[in-house]
Amino acid sequence: MTALGTRISRKRMLMLLMGFFIAGNLISAVAPVFGIMLLGRVVASLAHGAFFGIGAVVAAELVAPDRKAGPSP
């Protein structure tokens, strides 16, 4: 999922992934049979993993350089 979104801005990708996550959970919630519920869980899991991967990079970029983790002085 992350590799597919390399041409999309990070903010837009995060919004799309959150939409897929919500859709996957909605599919799971209203699924009439196990197979459809499983499909919803797979969609949600792919979006969840990619969201936190991109979100971690975005969060690290928001931190001031002097506040980032590094070796102790």
PDB file of N, CA and C in Angstrom:
ATOM      1  N   MET A   1       0.825  -1.188   0.000  1.00  0.00           N
ATOM      2  CA  MET A   1       0.000   0.000   0.000  1.00  0.00           C
ATOM      3  C   MET A   1       0.873   1.258   0.000  1.00  0.00           C
ATOM      4  N   THR A   2       1.924   1.244   0.773  1.00  0.00           N
ATOM      5  CA  THR A   2       2.797   2.416   0.835  1.00  0.00           C
ATOM      6  C   THR A   2       3.489   2.641  -0.502  1.00  0.00           C
ATOM      7  N   ALA A   3       3.951   1.569  -1.134  1.00  0.00           N
ATOM      8  CA  ALA A   3       4.637   1.688  -2.419  1.00  0.00           C
ATOM      9  C   ALA A   3       3.688   2.202  -3.503  1.00  0.00           C
ATOM     10  N   LEU A   4       2.424   1.858  -3.418  1.00  0.00           N
ATOM     11  CA  LEU A   4       1.457   2.333  -4.409  1.00  0.00           C
ATOM     12  C   LEU A   4       1.208   3.835  -4.285  1.00  0.00           C
ATOM     13  N   GLY A   5       1.435   4.385  -3.105  1.00  0.00           N
ATOM     14  CA  GLY A   5       1.149   5.788  -2.878  1.00  0.00           C
ATOM     15  C   GLY A   5       2.334   6.717  -2.956  1.00  0.00           C
ATOM     16  N   THR A   6       3.399   6.306  -3.611  1.00  0.00           N
ATOM     17  CA  THR A   6       4.593   7.157  -3.668  1.00  0.00           C
ATOM     18  C   THR A   6       4.374   8.434  -4.476  1.00  0.00           C
ATOM     19  N   ARG A   7       3.404   8.438  -5.360  1.00  0.00           N
ATOM     20  CA  ARG A   7       3.151   9.631  -6.181  1.00  0.00           C
ATOM     21  C   ARG A   7       2.118  10.562  -5.558  1.00  0.00           C
ATOM     22  N   ILE A   8       1.572  10.176  -4.419  1.00  0.00           N
ATOM     23  CA  ILE A   8       0.539  10.963  -3.741  1.00  0.00           C
ATOM     24  C   ILE A   8       1.185  11.649  -2.540  1.00  0.00           C
ATOM     25  N   SER A   9       0.721  12.861  -2.239  1.00  0.00           N
ATOM     26  CA  SER A   9       1.263  13.559  -1.063  1.00  0.00           C
ATOM     27  C   SER A   9       0.954  12.750   0.197  1.00  0.00           C
ATOM     28  N   ARG A  10       1.785  12.927   1.193  1.00  0.00           N
ATOM     29  CA  ARG A  10       1.615  12.138   2.425  1.00  0.00           C
ATOM     30  C   ARG A  10       0.296  12.433   3.113  1.00  0.00           C
ATOM     31  N   LYS A  11      -0.106  13.691   3.119  1.00  0.00           N
ATOM     32  CA  LYS A  11      -1.373  14.042   3.763  1.00  0.00           C
ATOM     33  C   LYS A  11      -2.543  13.371   3.059  1.00  0.00           C
ATOM     34  N   ARG A  12      -2.549  13.433   1.739  1.00  0.00           N
ATOM     35  CA  ARG A  12      -3.628  12.801   0.971  1.00  0.00           C
ATOM     36  C   ARG A  12      -3.605  11.283   1.158  1.00  0.00           C
ATOM     37  N   MET A  13      -2.402  10.697   1.194  1.00  0.00           N
ATOM     38  CA  MET A  13      -2.287   9.252   1.387  1.00  0.00           C
ATOM     39  C   MET A  13      -2.825   8.837   2.753  1.00  0.00           C
ATOM     40  N   LEU A  14      -2.510   9.622   3.785  1.00  0.00           N
ATOM     41  CA  LEU A  14      -3.033   9.320   5.116  1.00  0.00           C
ATOM     42  C   LEU A  14      -4.557   9.379   5.134  1.00  0.00           C
ATOM     43  N   MET A  15      -5.129  10.349   4.453  1.00  0.00           N
ATOM     44  CA  MET A  15      -6.592  10.459   4.393  1.00  0.00           C
ATOM     45  C   MET A  15      -7.201   9.279   3.640  1.00  0.00           C
ATOM     46  N   LEU A  16      -6.593   8.888   2.525  1.00  0.00           N
ATOM     47  CA  LEU A  16      -7.091   7.737   1.765  1.00  0.00           C
ATOM     48  C   LEU A  16      -6.994   6.445   2.574  1.00  0.00           C
ATOM     49  N   LEU A  17      -5.885   6.266   3.249  1.00  0.00           N
ATOM     50  CA  LEU A  17      -5.713   5.066   4.065  1.00  0.00           C
ATOM     51  C   LEU A  17      -6.713   5.013   5.211  1.00  0.00           C
ATOM     52  N   MET A  18      -7.006   6.165   5.814  1.00  0.00           N
ATOM     53  CA  MET A  18      -8.009   6.191   6.872  1.00  0.00           C
ATOM     54  C   MET A  18      -9.382   5.851   6.297  1.00  0.00           C
ATOM     55  N   GLY A  19      -9.659   6.296   5.093  1.00  0.00           N
ATOM     56  CA  GLY A  19     -10.916   5.930   4.432  1.00  0.00           C
ATOM     57  C   GLY A  19     -11.007   4.427   4.182  1.00  0.00           C
ATOM     58  N   PHE A  20      -9.909   3.823   3.712  1.00  0.00           N
ATOM     59  CA  PHE A  20      -9.896   2.367   3.513  1.00  0.00           C
ATOM     60  C   PHE A  20     -10.063   1.629   4.841  1.00  0.00           C
ATOM     61  N   PHE A  21      -9.449   2.150   5.885  1.00  0.00           N
ATOM     62  CA  PHE A  21      -9.559   1.522   7.201  1.00  0.00           C
ATOM     63  C   PHE A  21     -11.007   1.543   7.688  1.00  0.00           C
ATOM     64  N   ILE A  22     -11.659   2.683   7.528  1.00  0.00           N
ATOM     65  CA  ILE A  22     -13.062   2.805   7.926  1.00  0.00           C
ATOM     66  C   ILE A  22     -13.933   1.886   7.083  1.00  0.00           C
ATOM     67  N   ALA A  23     -13.686   1.870   5.770  1.00  0.00           N
ATOM     68  CA  ALA A  23     -14.473   1.010   4.885  1.00  0.00           C
ATOM     69  C   ALA A  23     -14.303  -0.461   5.245  1.00  0.00           C
ATOM     70  N   GLY A  24     -13.085  -0.877   5.518  1.00  0.00           N
ATOM     71  CA  GLY A  24     -12.844  -2.265   5.900  1.00  0.00           C
ATOM     72  C   GLY A  24     -13.566  -2.651   7.177  1.00  0.00           C
ATOM     73  N   ASN A  25     -13.567  -1.747   8.147  1.00  0.00           N
ATOM     74  CA  ASN A  25     -14.275  -2.019   9.394  1.00  0.00           C
ATOM     75  C   ASN A  25     -15.781  -2.017   9.207  1.00  0.00           C
ATOM     76  N   LEU A  26     -16.295  -1.144   8.351  1.00  0.00           N
ATOM     77  CA  LEU A  26     -17.727  -1.152   8.062  1.00  0.00           C
ATOM     78  C   LEU A  26     -18.146  -2.435   7.356  1.00  0.00           C
ATOM     79  N   ILE A  27     -17.329  -2.877   6.400  1.00  0.00           N
ATOM     80  CA  ILE A  27     -17.612  -4.138   5.713  1.00  0.00           C
ATOM     81  C   ILE A  27     -17.648  -5.279   6.723  1.00  0.00           C
ATOM     82  N   SER A  28     -16.696  -5.299   7.632  1.00  0.00           N
ATOM     83  CA  SER A  28     -16.652  -6.345   8.652  1.00  0.00           C
ATOM     84  C   SER A  28     -17.865  -6.289   9.573  1.00  0.00           C
ATOM     85  N   ALA A  29     -18.293  -5.087   9.899  1.00  0.00           N
ATOM     86  CA  ALA A  29     -19.405  -4.929  10.841  1.00  0.00           C
ATOM     87  C   ALA A  29     -20.739  -5.389  10.268  1.00  0.00           C
ATOM     88  N   VAL A  30     -20.939  -5.195   8.979  1.00  0.00           N
ATOM     89  CA  VAL A  30     -22.238  -5.531   8.379  1.00  0.00           C
ATOM     90  C   VAL A  30     -22.199  -6.798   7.532  1.00  0.00           C
ATOM     91  N   ALA A  31     -21.101  -7.532   7.588  1.00  0.00           N
ATOM     92  CA  ALA A  31     -20.934  -8.721   6.749  1.00  0.00           C
ATOM     93  C   ALA A  31     -21.961  -9.797   7.104  1.00  0.00           C
ATOM     94  N   PRO A  32     -22.647 -10.312   6.083  1.00  0.00           N
ATOM     95  CA  PRO A  32     -23.631 -11.363   6.347  1.00  0.00           C
ATOM     96  C   PRO A  32     -22.999 -12.759   6.474  1.00  0.00           C
ATOM     97  N   VAL A  33     -21.802 -12.929   5.898  1.00  0.00           N
ATOM     98  CA  VAL A  33     -21.125 -14.230   5.953  1.00  0.00           C
ATOM     99  C   VAL A  33     -19.660 -14.018   6.326  1.00  0.00           C
ATOM    100  N   PHE A  34     -19.032 -15.098   6.789  1.00  0.00           N
ATOM    101  CA  PHE A  34     -17.665 -15.033   7.281  1.00  0.00           C
ATOM    102  C   PHE A  34     -16.679 -14.562   6.211  1.00  0.00           C
ATOM    103  N   GLY A  35     -16.838 -15.006   4.977  1.00  0.00           N
ATOM    104  CA  GLY A  35     -15.903 -14.643   3.912  1.00  0.00           C
ATOM    105  C   GLY A  35     -15.839 -13.141   3.672  1.00  0.00           C
ATOM    106  N   ILE A  36     -16.975 -12.494   3.698  1.00  0.00           N
ATOM    107  CA  ILE A  36     -17.012 -11.041   3.496  1.00  0.00           C
ATOM    108  C   ILE A  36     -16.414 -10.323   4.705  1.00  0.00           C
ATOM    109  N   MET A  37     -16.684 -10.856   5.894  1.00  0.00           N
ATOM    110  CA  MET A  37     -16.086 -10.271   7.097  1.00  0.00           C
ATOM    111  C   MET A  37     -14.568 -10.376   7.035  1.00  0.00           C
ATOM    112  N   LEU A  38     -14.074 -11.522   6.576  1.00  0.00           N
ATOM    113  CA  LEU A  38     -12.638 -11.715   6.457  1.00  0.00           C
ATOM    114  C   LEU A  38     -12.038 -10.745   5.443  1.00  0.00           C
ATOM    115  N   LEU A  39     -12.715 -10.521   4.342  1.00  0.00           N
ATOM    116  CA  LEU A  39     -12.262  -9.557   3.341  1.00  0.00           C
ATOM    117  C   LEU A  39     -12.171  -8.154   3.944  1.00  0.00           C
ATOM    118  N   GLY A  40     -13.167  -7.775   4.717  1.00  0.00           N
ATOM    119  CA  GLY A  40     -13.144  -6.468   5.383  1.00  0.00           C
ATOM    120  C   GLY A  40     -11.976  -6.339   6.334  1.00  0.00           C
ATOM    121  N   ARG A  41     -11.663  -7.413   7.050  1.00  0.00           N
ATOM    122  CA  ARG A  41     -10.532  -7.385   7.987  1.00  0.00           C
ATOM    123  C   ARG A  41      -9.203  -7.258   7.243  1.00  0.00           C
ATOM    124  N   VAL A  42      -9.086  -7.898   6.095  1.00  0.00           N
ATOM    125  CA  VAL A  42      -7.854  -7.806   5.297  1.00  0.00           C
ATOM    126  C   VAL A  42      -7.670  -6.374   4.783  1.00  0.00           C
ATOM    127  N   VAL A  43      -8.748  -5.779   4.278  1.00  0.00           N
ATOM    128  CA  VAL A  43      -8.679  -4.391   3.797  1.00  0.00           C
ATOM    129  C   VAL A  43      -8.264  -3.464   4.935  1.00  0.00           C
ATOM    130  N   ALA A  44      -8.876  -3.632   6.092  1.00  0.00           N
ATOM    131  CA  ALA A  44      -8.547  -2.785   7.237  1.00  0.00           C
ATOM    132  C   ALA A  44      -7.101  -2.991   7.689  1.00  0.00           C
ATOM    133  N   SER A  45      -6.626  -4.229   7.653  1.00  0.00           N
ATOM    134  CA  SER A  45      -5.256  -4.481   8.118  1.00  0.00           C
ATOM    135  C   SER A  45      -4.212  -3.884   7.181  1.00  0.00           C
ATOM    136  N   LEU A  46      -4.437  -3.962   5.879  1.00  0.00           N
ATOM    137  CA  LEU A  46      -3.499  -3.358   4.933  1.00  0.00           C
ATOM    138  C   LEU A  46      -3.437  -1.842   5.113  1.00  0.00           C
ATOM    139  N   ALA A  47      -4.600  -1.232   5.275  1.00  0.00           N
ATOM    140  CA  ALA A  47      -4.643   0.213   5.461  1.00  0.00           C
ATOM    141  C   ALA A  47      -4.014   0.604   6.796  1.00  0.00           C
ATOM    142  N   HIS A  48      -4.248  -0.176   7.826  1.00  0.00           N
ATOM    143  CA  HIS A  48      -3.720   0.125   9.162  1.00  0.00           C
ATOM    144  C   HIS A  48      -2.191   0.124   9.172  1.00  0.00           C
ATOM    145  N   GLY A  49      -1.600  -0.894   8.600  1.00  0.00           N
ATOM    146  CA  GLY A  49      -0.141  -0.989   8.574  1.00  0.00           C
ATOM    147  C   GLY A  49       0.502   0.144   7.800  1.00  0.00           C
ATOM    148  N   ALA A  50      -0.037   0.446   6.637  1.00  0.00           N
ATOM    149  CA  ALA A  50       0.518   1.523   5.824  1.00  0.00           C
ATOM    150  C   ALA A  50       0.307   2.878   6.496  1.00  0.00           C
ATOM    151  N   PHE A  51      -0.847   3.072   7.138  1.00  0.00           N
ATOM    152  CA  PHE A  51      -1.136   4.339   7.813  1.00  0.00           C
ATOM    153  C   PHE A  51      -0.115   4.624   8.902  1.00  0.00           C
ATOM    154  N   PHE A  52       0.171   3.637   9.736  1.00  0.00           N
ATOM    155  CA  PHE A  52       1.115   3.877  10.818  1.00  0.00           C
ATOM    156  C   PHE A  52       2.544   4.009  10.304  1.00  0.00           C
ATOM    157  N   GLY A  53       2.875   3.355   9.212  1.00  0.00           N
ATOM    158  CA  GLY A  53       4.201   3.529   8.615  1.00  0.00           C
ATOM    159  C   GLY A  53       4.411   4.945   8.116  1.00  0.00           C
ATOM    160  N   ILE A  54       3.450   5.459   7.375  1.00  0.00           N
ATOM    161  CA  ILE A  54       3.554   6.824   6.848  1.00  0.00           C
ATOM    162  C   ILE A  54       3.390   7.833   7.979  1.00  0.00           C
ATOM    163  N   GLY A  55       2.481   7.550   8.912  1.00  0.00           N
ATOM    164  CA  GLY A  55       2.251   8.455  10.039  1.00  0.00           C
ATOM    165  C   GLY A  55       3.486   8.642  10.890  1.00  0.00           C
ATOM    166  N   ALA A  56       4.272   7.595  11.067  1.00  0.00           N
ATOM    167  CA  ALA A  56       5.502   7.700  11.847  1.00  0.00           C
ATOM    168  C   ALA A  56       6.510   8.624  11.163  1.00  0.00           C
ATOM    169  N   VAL A  57       6.603   8.534   9.857  1.00  0.00           N
ATOM    170  CA  VAL A  57       7.516   9.408   9.106  1.00  0.00           C
ATOM    171  C   VAL A  57       7.058  10.858   9.204  1.00  0.00           C
ATOM    172  N   VAL A  58       5.768  11.084   9.047  1.00  0.00           N
ATOM    173  CA  VAL A  58       5.234  12.450   9.132  1.00  0.00           C
ATOM    174  C   VAL A  58       5.446  13.011  10.533  1.00  0.00           C
ATOM    175  N   ALA A  59       5.207  12.222  11.555  1.00  0.00           N
ATOM    176  CA  ALA A  59       5.397  12.680  12.931  1.00  0.00           C
ATOM    177  C   ALA A  59       6.858  13.022  13.198  1.00  0.00           C
ATOM    178  N   ALA A  60       7.779  12.220  12.683  1.00  0.00           N
ATOM    179  CA  ALA A  60       9.207  12.491  12.886  1.00  0.00           C
ATOM    180  C   ALA A  60       9.626  13.788  12.200  1.00  0.00           C
ATOM    181  N   GLU A  61       9.008  14.103  11.071  1.00  0.00           N
ATOM    182  CA  GLU A  61       9.338  15.342  10.363  1.00  0.00           C
ATOM    183  C   GLU A  61       8.809  16.576  11.091  1.00  0.00           C
ATOM    184  N   LEU A  62       7.807  16.421  11.936  1.00  0.00           N
ATOM    185  CA  LEU A  62       7.230  17.555  12.653  1.00  0.00           C
ATOM    186  C   LEU A  62       8.056  17.972  13.856  1.00  0.00           C
ATOM    187  N   VAL A  63       8.939  17.111  14.311  1.00  0.00           N
ATOM    188  CA  VAL A  63       9.758  17.393  15.499  1.00  0.00           C
ATOM    189  C   VAL A  63      10.931  18.274  15.106  1.00  0.00           C
ATOM    190  N   ALA A  64      11.208  19.251  15.938  1.00  0.00           N
ATOM    191  CA  ALA A  64      12.350  20.138  15.695  1.00  0.00           C
ATOM    192  C   ALA A  64      13.644  19.327  15.726  1.00  0.00           C
ATOM    193  N   PRO A  65      14.630  19.692  14.904  1.00  0.00           N
ATOM    194  CA  PRO A  65      15.879  18.928  14.837  1.00  0.00           C
ATOM    195  C   PRO A  65      16.585  18.778  16.181  1.00  0.00           C
ATOM    196  N   ASP A  66      16.521  19.805  17.029  1.00  0.00           N
ATOM    197  CA  ASP A  66      17.204  19.717  18.321  1.00  0.00           C
ATOM    198  C   ASP A  66      16.438  18.867  19.333  1.00  0.00           C
ATOM    199  N   ARG A  67      15.210  18.473  19.012  1.00  0.00           N
ATOM    200  CA  ARG A  67      14.391  17.656  19.913  1.00  0.00           C
ATOM    201  C   ARG A  67      14.326  16.185  19.492  1.00  0.00           C
ATOM    202  N   LYS A  68      14.918  15.866  18.353  1.00  0.00           N
ATOM    203  CA  LYS A  68      14.893  14.485  17.872  1.00  0.00           C
ATOM    204  C   LYS A  68      15.801  13.611  18.710  1.00  0.00           C
ATOM    205  N   ALA A  69      15.482  12.327  18.739  1.00  0.00           N
ATOM    206  CA  ALA A  69      16.272  11.375  19.506  1.00  0.00           C
ATOM    207  C   ALA A  69      17.673  11.252  18.903  1.00  0.00           C
ATOM    208  N   GLY A  70      18.622  11.055  19.749  1.00  0.00           N
ATOM    209  CA  GLY A  70      19.993  10.912  19.310  1.00  0.00           C
ATOM    210  C   GLY A  70      20.849  10.517  20.487  1.00  0.00           C
ATOM    211  N   PRO A  71      22.148  10.394  20.273  1.00  0.00           N
ATOM    212  CA  PRO A  71      23.037  10.026  21.375  1.00  0.00           C
ATOM    213  C   PRO A  71      23.085  11.106  22.445  1.00  0.00           C
ATOM    214  N   SER A  72      23.214  10.686  23.674  1.00  0.00           N
ATOM    215  CA  SER A  72      23.289  11.641  24.786  1.00  0.00           C
ATOM    216  C   SER A  72      24.630  12.370  24.751  1.00  0.00           C
ATOM    217  N   PRO A  73      24.622  13.662  25.104  1.00  0.00           N
ATOM    218  CA  PRO A  73      25.882  14.436  25.086  1.00  0.00           C
ATOM    219  C   PRO A  73      26.816  14.034  26.200  1.00  0.00           C
TER     220      PRO A  73
END
